[in-house]
Amino acid sequence: AKLVPYGAAALAAFRAAVLTALADLARRRPGVTAGRAHVTISPATRPPRVNAGGLPIGLASDAAYLGDDLVPAFLALLAVPPEVGRIADVDAWRIATLRALVEAEDLAFVSVWSPTHLHDLVATLPGVAEEVARGVTPAARRRLAAALAGDGVDTTRLWPRLDTVSAWADAGSTAFASRLAALFPQARLEPNGLLATPSAQTQPRGDSPRG
């Protein structure tokens, strides 16, 4: 791992790419705007740090990729608040994330980089269901029980309005993306192009599965 310097120009470039892709997605898949979103870009379980010169390492929130003027609107849409990502303990982070997601019956859009991240997170639900259930509302608890009544996790019970899941789906991620699509049969898997820490190099656009 190495640090990649970010400045105003880099964030502006990300904003231009991401907002264009999101606008096109909303046009093609209007269901993504019908509820809340779960967006994971920055690595979780990393508390705020600064380098030797006092510069912050990492962004305060992934909302920064969209520009300061859109931060409040973006944060209002999130199913999992940004502070959960700063929980240092992996197990505590996982439980907090799953509780927030289980509560979000109106979840409409999920965007992650790696398909294995989301697949593996949801796949842990059966093993931690009791702990997750202790921190959610009765309605969410009932949906969680229904989702776990059969084999695996029935995500259609938890997130019936989920419209689109965006993740890497090409090259080495192809097989993992197929597993993710099978886990969320109610949603379209949207390949997110080549989006990496240094830059947004390609973005999906149009009706083609590969943009």
C-alpha atoms as a PDB file:
ATOM      1  CA  ALA A   1       0.000   0.000   0.000  1.00  0.00           C
ATOM      2  CA  LYS A   2       1.129   3.523  -0.689  1.00  0.00           C
ATOM      3  CA  LEU A   3      -0.326   6.972  -0.195  1.00  0.00           C
ATOM      4  CA  VAL A   4      -1.763   8.698  -3.254  1.00  0.00           C
ATOM      5  CA  PRO A   5      -1.775  12.518  -2.997  1.00  0.00           C
ATOM      6  CA  TYR A   6      -5.167  14.123  -3.559  1.00  0.00           C
ATOM      7  CA  GLY A   7      -5.726  17.753  -4.352  1.00  0.00           C
ATOM      8  CA  ALA A   8      -8.637  19.879  -5.496  1.00  0.00           C
ATOM      9  CA  ALA A   9      -7.989  18.978  -9.132  1.00  0.00           C
ATOM     10  CA  ALA A  10      -8.128  15.230  -8.427  1.00  0.00           C
ATOM     11  CA  LEU A  11     -11.387  15.549  -6.504  1.00  0.00           C
ATOM     12  CA  ALA A  12     -12.865  17.704  -9.273  1.00  0.00           C
ATOM     13  CA  ALA A  13     -11.968  15.011 -11.809  1.00  0.00           C
ATOM     14  CA  PHE A  14     -13.653  12.347  -9.697  1.00  0.00           C
ATOM     15  CA  ARG A  15     -16.708  14.576  -9.316  1.00  0.00           C
ATOM     16  CA  ALA A  16     -16.989  15.041 -13.078  1.00  0.00           C
ATOM     17  CA  ALA A  17     -16.774  11.309 -13.727  1.00  0.00           C
ATOM     18  CA  VAL A  18     -18.964  10.101 -10.873  1.00  0.00           C
ATOM     19  CA  LEU A  19     -21.764  12.649 -11.303  1.00  0.00           C
ATOM     20  CA  THR A  20     -21.942  11.902 -15.016  1.00  0.00           C
ATOM     21  CA  ALA A  21     -22.197   8.167 -14.334  1.00  0.00           C
ATOM     22  CA  LEU A  22     -24.801   8.660 -11.585  1.00  0.00           C
ATOM     23  CA  ALA A  23     -26.944  10.911 -13.766  1.00  0.00           C
ATOM     24  CA  ASP A  24     -26.880   8.325 -16.537  1.00  0.00           C
ATOM     25  CA  LEU A  25     -27.684   5.530 -14.079  1.00  0.00           C
ATOM     26  CA  ALA A  26     -30.662   7.467 -12.686  1.00  0.00           C
ATOM     27  CA  ARG A  27     -31.951   7.962 -16.227  1.00  0.00           C
ATOM     28  CA  ARG A  28     -31.667   4.274 -17.071  1.00  0.00           C
ATOM     29  CA  ARG A  29     -32.561   2.882 -13.641  1.00  0.00           C
ATOM     30  CA  PRO A  30     -34.923   5.349 -11.937  1.00  0.00           C
ATOM     31  CA  GLY A  31     -35.464   2.857  -9.133  1.00  0.00           C
ATOM     32  CA  VAL A  32     -32.069   3.798  -7.695  1.00  0.00           C
ATOM     33  CA  THR A  33     -33.576   7.123  -6.593  1.00  0.00           C
ATOM     34  CA  ALA A  34     -36.532   5.526  -4.790  1.00  0.00           C
ATOM     35  CA  GLY A  35     -34.722   4.876  -1.513  1.00  0.00           C
ATOM     36  CA  ARG A  36     -31.470   5.066   0.371  1.00  0.00           C
ATOM     37  CA  ALA A  37     -28.003   4.042  -0.778  1.00  0.00           C
ATOM     38  CA  HIS A  38     -25.044   2.171   0.635  1.00  0.00           C
ATOM     39  CA  VAL A  39     -21.779   3.480  -0.795  1.00  0.00           C
ATOM     40  CA  THR A  40     -18.384   2.090   0.170  1.00  0.00           C
ATOM     41  CA  ILE A  41     -15.294   3.634  -1.397  1.00  0.00           C
ATOM     42  CA  SER A  42     -12.747   4.271   1.333  1.00  0.00           C
ATOM     43  CA  PRO A  43     -11.431   1.308   3.367  1.00  0.00           C
ATOM     44  CA  ALA A  44     -13.266   0.731   6.640  1.00  0.00           C
ATOM     45  CA  THR A  45     -11.834   0.356  10.165  1.00  0.00           C
ATOM     46  CA  ARG A  46      -9.193   3.033   9.635  1.00  0.00           C
ATOM     47  CA  PRO A  47      -9.324   5.846  12.183  1.00  0.00           C
ATOM     48  CA  PRO A  48      -8.329   9.378  11.118  1.00  0.00           C
ATOM     49  CA  ARG A  49      -4.571   9.830  10.686  1.00  0.00           C
ATOM     50  CA  VAL A  50      -2.141  12.511   9.550  1.00  0.00           C
ATOM     51  CA  ASN A  51       1.272  12.190   7.960  1.00  0.00           C
ATOM     52  CA  ALA A  52       4.521  13.562   9.349  1.00  0.00           C
ATOM     53  CA  GLY A  53       3.746  16.957   7.833  1.00  0.00           C
ATOM     54  CA  GLY A  54       0.310  17.121   9.428  1.00  0.00           C
ATOM     55  CA  LEU A  55      -1.679  16.475   6.253  1.00  0.00           C
ATOM     56  CA  PRO A  56      -4.767  14.272   6.711  1.00  0.00           C
ATOM     57  CA  ILE A  57      -4.623  10.737   5.335  1.00  0.00           C
ATOM     58  CA  GLY A  58      -7.932   9.791   3.767  1.00  0.00           C
ATOM     59  CA  LEU A  59     -11.110  11.785   3.335  1.00  0.00           C
ATOM     60  CA  ALA A  60     -13.477  12.682   6.137  1.00  0.00           C
ATOM     61  CA  SER A  61     -16.273  11.141   4.075  1.00  0.00           C
ATOM     62  CA  ASP A  62     -16.720   9.591   0.651  1.00  0.00           C
ATOM     63  CA  ALA A  63     -19.131  12.465   0.041  1.00  0.00           C
ATOM     64  CA  ALA A  64     -16.038  14.545  -0.758  1.00  0.00           C
ATOM     65  CA  TYR A  65     -15.866  12.841  -4.152  1.00  0.00           C
ATOM     66  CA  LEU A  66     -19.108  14.614  -5.099  1.00  0.00           C
ATOM     67  CA  GLY A  67     -18.115  18.130  -4.023  1.00  0.00           C
ATOM     68  CA  ASP A  68     -18.796  20.176  -0.899  1.00  0.00           C
ATOM     69  CA  ASP A  69     -22.112  21.494  -2.191  1.00  0.00           C
ATOM     70  CA  LEU A  70     -23.548  17.974  -2.465  1.00  0.00           C
ATOM     71  CA  VAL A  71     -22.261  16.583   0.840  1.00  0.00           C
ATOM     72  CA  PRO A  72     -25.453  17.228   2.900  1.00  0.00           C
ATOM     73  CA  ALA A  73     -27.724  15.626   0.298  1.00  0.00           C
ATOM     74  CA  PHE A  74     -25.398  12.646  -0.094  1.00  0.00           C
ATOM     75  CA  LEU A  75     -25.147  12.028   3.651  1.00  0.00           C
ATOM     76  CA  ALA A  76     -28.940  12.167   3.995  1.00  0.00           C
ATOM     77  CA  LEU A  77     -29.250   9.275   1.521  1.00  0.00           C
ATOM     78  CA  LEU A  78     -26.788   6.911   3.189  1.00  0.00           C
ATOM     79  CA  ALA A  79     -28.133   3.806   4.893  1.00  0.00           C
ATOM     80  CA  VAL A  80     -24.863   3.405   6.823  1.00  0.00           C
ATOM     81  CA  PRO A  81     -23.504   6.656   8.309  1.00  0.00           C
ATOM     82  CA  PRO A  82     -19.847   7.519   7.584  1.00  0.00           C
ATOM     83  CA  GLU A  83     -18.826   7.253  11.244  1.00  0.00           C
ATOM     84  CA  VAL A  84     -19.434   3.491  11.121  1.00  0.00           C
ATOM     85  CA  GLY A  85     -16.545   3.164   8.677  1.00  0.00           C
ATOM     86  CA  ARG A  86     -14.205   4.685  11.249  1.00  0.00           C
ATOM     87  CA  ILE A  87     -14.838   1.966  13.846  1.00  0.00           C
ATOM     88  CA  ALA A  88     -11.422   0.435  14.376  1.00  0.00           C
ATOM     89  CA  ASP A  89     -12.520  -3.046  15.473  1.00  0.00           C
ATOM     90  CA  VAL A  90     -13.457  -5.187  12.453  1.00  0.00           C
ATOM     91  CA  ASP A  91     -16.088  -7.241  14.277  1.00  0.00           C
ATOM     92  CA  ALA A  92     -17.744  -4.141  15.747  1.00  0.00           C
ATOM     93  CA  TRP A  93     -17.691  -2.478  12.318  1.00  0.00           C
ATOM     94  CA  ARG A  94     -19.312  -5.521  10.732  1.00  0.00           C
ATOM     95  CA  ILE A  95     -22.139  -5.650  13.287  1.00  0.00           C
ATOM     96  CA  ALA A  96     -22.794  -1.904  13.071  1.00  0.00           C
ATOM     97  CA  THR A  97     -22.835  -2.021   9.271  1.00  0.00           C
ATOM     98  CA  LEU A  98     -25.183  -4.997   9.130  1.00  0.00           C
ATOM     99  CA  ARG A  99     -27.537  -3.444  11.671  1.00  0.00           C
ATOM    100  CA  ALA A 100     -27.797  -0.270   9.625  1.00  0.00           C
ATOM    101  CA  LEU A 101     -28.357  -2.217   6.418  1.00  0.00           C
ATOM    102  CA  VAL A 102     -30.975  -4.518   7.950  1.00  0.00           C
ATOM    103  CA  GLU A 103     -32.861  -1.447   9.138  1.00  0.00           C
ATOM    104  CA  ALA A 104     -32.802   0.020   5.615  1.00  0.00           C
ATOM    105  CA  GLU A 105     -35.821  -1.694   4.077  1.00  0.00           C
ATOM    106  CA  ASP A 106     -35.871   1.117   1.495  1.00  0.00           C
ATOM    107  CA  LEU A 107     -32.329   0.360   0.283  1.00  0.00           C
ATOM    108  CA  ALA A 108     -32.363   1.073  -3.462  1.00  0.00           C
ATOM    109  CA  PHE A 109     -28.727   1.367  -4.560  1.00  0.00           C
ATOM    110  CA  VAL A 110     -25.431  -0.166  -3.453  1.00  0.00           C
ATOM    111  CA  SER A 111     -22.040   0.873  -4.792  1.00  0.00           C
ATOM    112  CA  VAL A 112     -18.834  -0.885  -3.780  1.00  0.00           C
ATOM    113  CA  TRP A 113     -15.519  -1.466  -5.499  1.00  0.00           C
ATOM    114  CA  SER A 114     -14.891  -5.146  -4.844  1.00  0.00           C
ATOM    115  CA  PRO A 115     -17.793  -7.604  -5.273  1.00  0.00           C
ATOM    116  CA  THR A 116     -16.247  -9.865  -2.643  1.00  0.00           C
ATOM    117  CA  HIS A 117     -16.540  -7.111  -0.021  1.00  0.00           C
ATOM    118  CA  LEU A 118     -20.325  -6.943  -0.247  1.00  0.00           C
ATOM    119  CA  HIS A 119     -20.854 -10.658  -0.829  1.00  0.00           C
ATOM    120  CA  ASP A 120     -18.755 -11.676   2.157  1.00  0.00           C
ATOM    121  CA  LEU A 121     -20.341  -9.056   4.406  1.00  0.00           C
ATOM    122  CA  VAL A 122     -23.878 -10.285   3.724  1.00  0.00           C
ATOM    123  CA  ALA A 123     -22.758 -13.923   3.906  1.00  0.00           C
ATOM    124  CA  THR A 124     -21.748 -13.411   7.551  1.00  0.00           C
ATOM    125  CA  LEU A 125     -25.342 -12.577   8.564  1.00  0.00           C
ATOM    126  CA  PRO A 126     -26.402 -16.111   9.593  1.00  0.00           C
ATOM    127  CA  GLY A 127     -23.487 -16.401  11.997  1.00  0.00           C
ATOM    128  CA  VAL A 128     -24.073 -13.025  13.682  1.00  0.00           C
ATOM    129  CA  ALA A 129     -27.853 -12.797  13.326  1.00  0.00           C
ATOM    130  CA  GLU A 130     -28.592 -12.828  17.053  1.00  0.00           C
ATOM    131  CA  GLU A 131     -26.171 -10.000  17.754  1.00  0.00           C
ATOM    132  CA  VAL A 132     -27.441  -7.964  14.804  1.00  0.00           C
ATOM    133  CA  ALA A 133     -31.070  -8.543  15.826  1.00  0.00           C
ATOM    134  CA  ARG A 134     -30.458  -7.167  19.320  1.00  0.00           C
ATOM    135  CA  GLY A 135     -29.749  -3.721  17.896  1.00  0.00           C
ATOM    136  CA  VAL A 136     -32.566  -3.279  15.363  1.00  0.00           C
ATOM    137  CA  THR A 137     -36.270  -2.466  15.486  1.00  0.00           C
ATOM    138  CA  PRO A 138     -38.913  -5.202  15.766  1.00  0.00           C
ATOM    139  CA  ALA A 139     -39.901  -4.738  12.120  1.00  0.00           C
ATOM    140  CA  ALA A 140     -36.297  -5.169  10.970  1.00  0.00           C
ATOM    141  CA  ARG A 141     -35.937  -8.172  13.274  1.00  0.00           C
ATOM    142  CA  ARG A 142     -38.902  -9.853  11.620  1.00  0.00           C
ATOM    143  CA  ARG A 143     -37.498  -9.225   8.144  1.00  0.00           C
ATOM    144  CA  LEU A 144     -34.134 -10.590   9.225  1.00  0.00           C
ATOM    145  CA  ALA A 145     -35.765 -13.764  10.582  1.00  0.00           C
ATOM    146  CA  ALA A 146     -37.679 -14.225   7.323  1.00  0.00           C
ATOM    147  CA  ALA A 147     -34.515 -13.704   5.291  1.00  0.00           C
ATOM    148  CA  LEU A 148     -32.696 -16.397   7.257  1.00  0.00           C
ATOM    149  CA  ALA A 149     -35.551 -18.902   7.409  1.00  0.00           C
ATOM    150  CA  GLY A 150     -34.176 -20.956   4.506  1.00  0.00           C
ATOM    151  CA  ASP A 151     -30.684 -21.686   3.271  1.00  0.00           C
ATOM    152  CA  GLY A 152     -28.298 -18.734   3.152  1.00  0.00           C
ATOM    153  CA  VAL A 153     -29.623 -15.183   3.063  1.00  0.00           C
ATOM    154  CA  ASP A 154     -32.766 -14.253   1.123  1.00  0.00           C
ATOM    155  CA  THR A 155     -31.864 -10.668   0.294  1.00  0.00           C
ATOM    156  CA  THR A 156     -35.232 -10.071  -1.360  1.00  0.00           C
ATOM    157  CA  ARG A 157     -36.775 -10.225   2.120  1.00  0.00           C
ATOM    158  CA  LEU A 158     -34.365  -7.701   3.540  1.00  0.00           C
ATOM    159  CA  TRP A 159     -34.152  -5.280   0.617  1.00  0.00           C
ATOM    160  CA  PRO A 160     -37.176  -5.728  -1.668  1.00  0.00           C
ATOM    161  CA  ARG A 161     -36.633  -2.327  -3.321  1.00  0.00           C
ATOM    162  CA  LEU A 162     -32.960  -2.807  -4.144  1.00  0.00           C
ATOM    163  CA  ASP A 163     -32.676  -1.835  -7.795  1.00  0.00           C
ATOM    164  CA  THR A 164     -28.976  -1.774  -8.667  1.00  0.00           C
ATOM    165  CA  VAL A 165     -25.699  -3.032  -7.247  1.00  0.00           C
ATOM    166  CA  SER A 166     -22.548  -1.466  -8.697  1.00  0.00           C
ATOM    167  CA  ALA A 167     -19.197  -3.256  -8.397  1.00  0.00           C
ATOM    168  CA  TRP A 168     -16.162  -4.369 -10.354  1.00  0.00           C
ATOM    169  CA  ALA A 169     -17.343  -7.060 -12.781  1.00  0.00           C
ATOM    170  CA  ASP A 170     -14.537  -7.500 -15.305  1.00  0.00           C
ATOM    171  CA  ALA A 171     -11.238  -9.371 -15.576  1.00  0.00           C
ATOM    172  CA  GLY A 172     -10.349 -10.986 -12.239  1.00  0.00           C
ATOM    173  CA  SER A 173     -13.634  -9.876 -10.686  1.00  0.00           C
ATOM    174  CA  THR A 174     -15.906 -11.630 -13.205  1.00  0.00           C
ATOM    175  CA  ALA A 175     -16.508 -14.798 -11.199  1.00  0.00           C
ATOM    176  CA  PHE A 176     -16.998 -12.875  -7.954  1.00  0.00           C
ATOM    177  CA  ALA A 177     -19.430 -10.507  -9.650  1.00  0.00           C
ATOM    178  CA  SER A 178     -21.504 -13.497 -10.778  1.00  0.00           C
ATOM    179  CA  ARG A 179     -21.718 -14.694  -7.178  1.00  0.00           C
ATOM    180  CA  LEU A 180     -22.785 -11.228  -6.109  1.00  0.00           C
ATOM    181  CA  ALA A 181     -25.482 -11.066  -8.788  1.00  0.00           C
ATOM    182  CA  ALA A 182     -26.847 -14.430  -7.603  1.00  0.00           C
ATOM    183  CA  LEU A 183     -27.018 -13.104  -4.048  1.00  0.00           C
ATOM    184  CA  PHE A 184     -29.151 -10.137  -5.168  1.00  0.00           C
ATOM    185  CA  PRO A 185     -31.602 -11.521  -7.764  1.00  0.00           C
ATOM    186  CA  GLN A 186     -33.903  -8.523  -7.287  1.00  0.00           C
ATOM    187  CA  ALA A 187     -31.252  -6.080  -8.512  1.00  0.00           C
ATOM    188  CA  ARG A 188     -29.278  -5.381 -11.662  1.00  0.00           C
ATOM    189  CA  LEU A 189     -25.530  -5.761 -11.372  1.00  0.00           C
ATOM    190  CA  GLU A 190     -23.985  -2.618 -12.850  1.00  0.00           C
ATOM    191  CA  PRO A 191     -20.266  -2.949 -13.699  1.00  0.00           C
ATOM    192  CA  ASN A 192     -18.672   0.207 -12.336  1.00  0.00           C
ATOM    193  CA  GLY A 193     -15.850   0.509 -14.837  1.00  0.00           C
ATOM    194  CA  LEU A 194     -12.257   1.105 -13.832  1.00  0.00           C
ATOM    195  CA  LEU A 195     -12.555   3.208 -10.713  1.00  0.00           C
ATOM    196  CA  ALA A 196      -9.427   3.174  -8.582  1.00  0.00           C
ATOM    197  CA  THR A 197      -7.778   5.328  -5.943  1.00  0.00           C
ATOM    198  CA  PRO A 198      -5.527   7.277  -8.364  1.00  0.00           C
ATOM    199  CA  SER A 199      -8.308   8.163 -10.795  1.00  0.00           C
ATOM    200  CA  ALA A 200     -11.580   7.300 -12.472  1.00  0.00           C
ATOM    201  CA  GLN A 201     -10.353   5.874 -15.765  1.00  0.00           C
ATOM    202  CA  THR A 202     -13.597   4.506 -17.208  1.00  0.00           C
ATOM    203  CA  GLN A 203     -17.212   4.881 -16.135  1.00  0.00           C
ATOM    204  CA  PRO A 204     -20.300   2.952 -17.261  1.00  0.00           C
ATOM    205  CA  ARG A 205     -22.657   4.898 -19.451  1.00  0.00           C
ATOM    206  CA  GLY A 206     -25.514   3.868 -21.706  1.00  0.00           C
ATOM    207  CA  ASP A 207     -27.468   0.637 -21.975  1.00  0.00           C
ATOM    208  CA  SER A 208     -24.519  -1.652 -22.666  1.00  0.00           C
ATOM    209  CA  PRO A 209     -23.550  -3.878 -19.694  1.00  0.00           C
ATOM    210  CA  ARG A 210     -19.997  -2.580 -20.067  1.00  0.00           C
ATOM    211  CA  GLY A 211     -20.844   1.086 -20.661  1.00  0.00           C
END
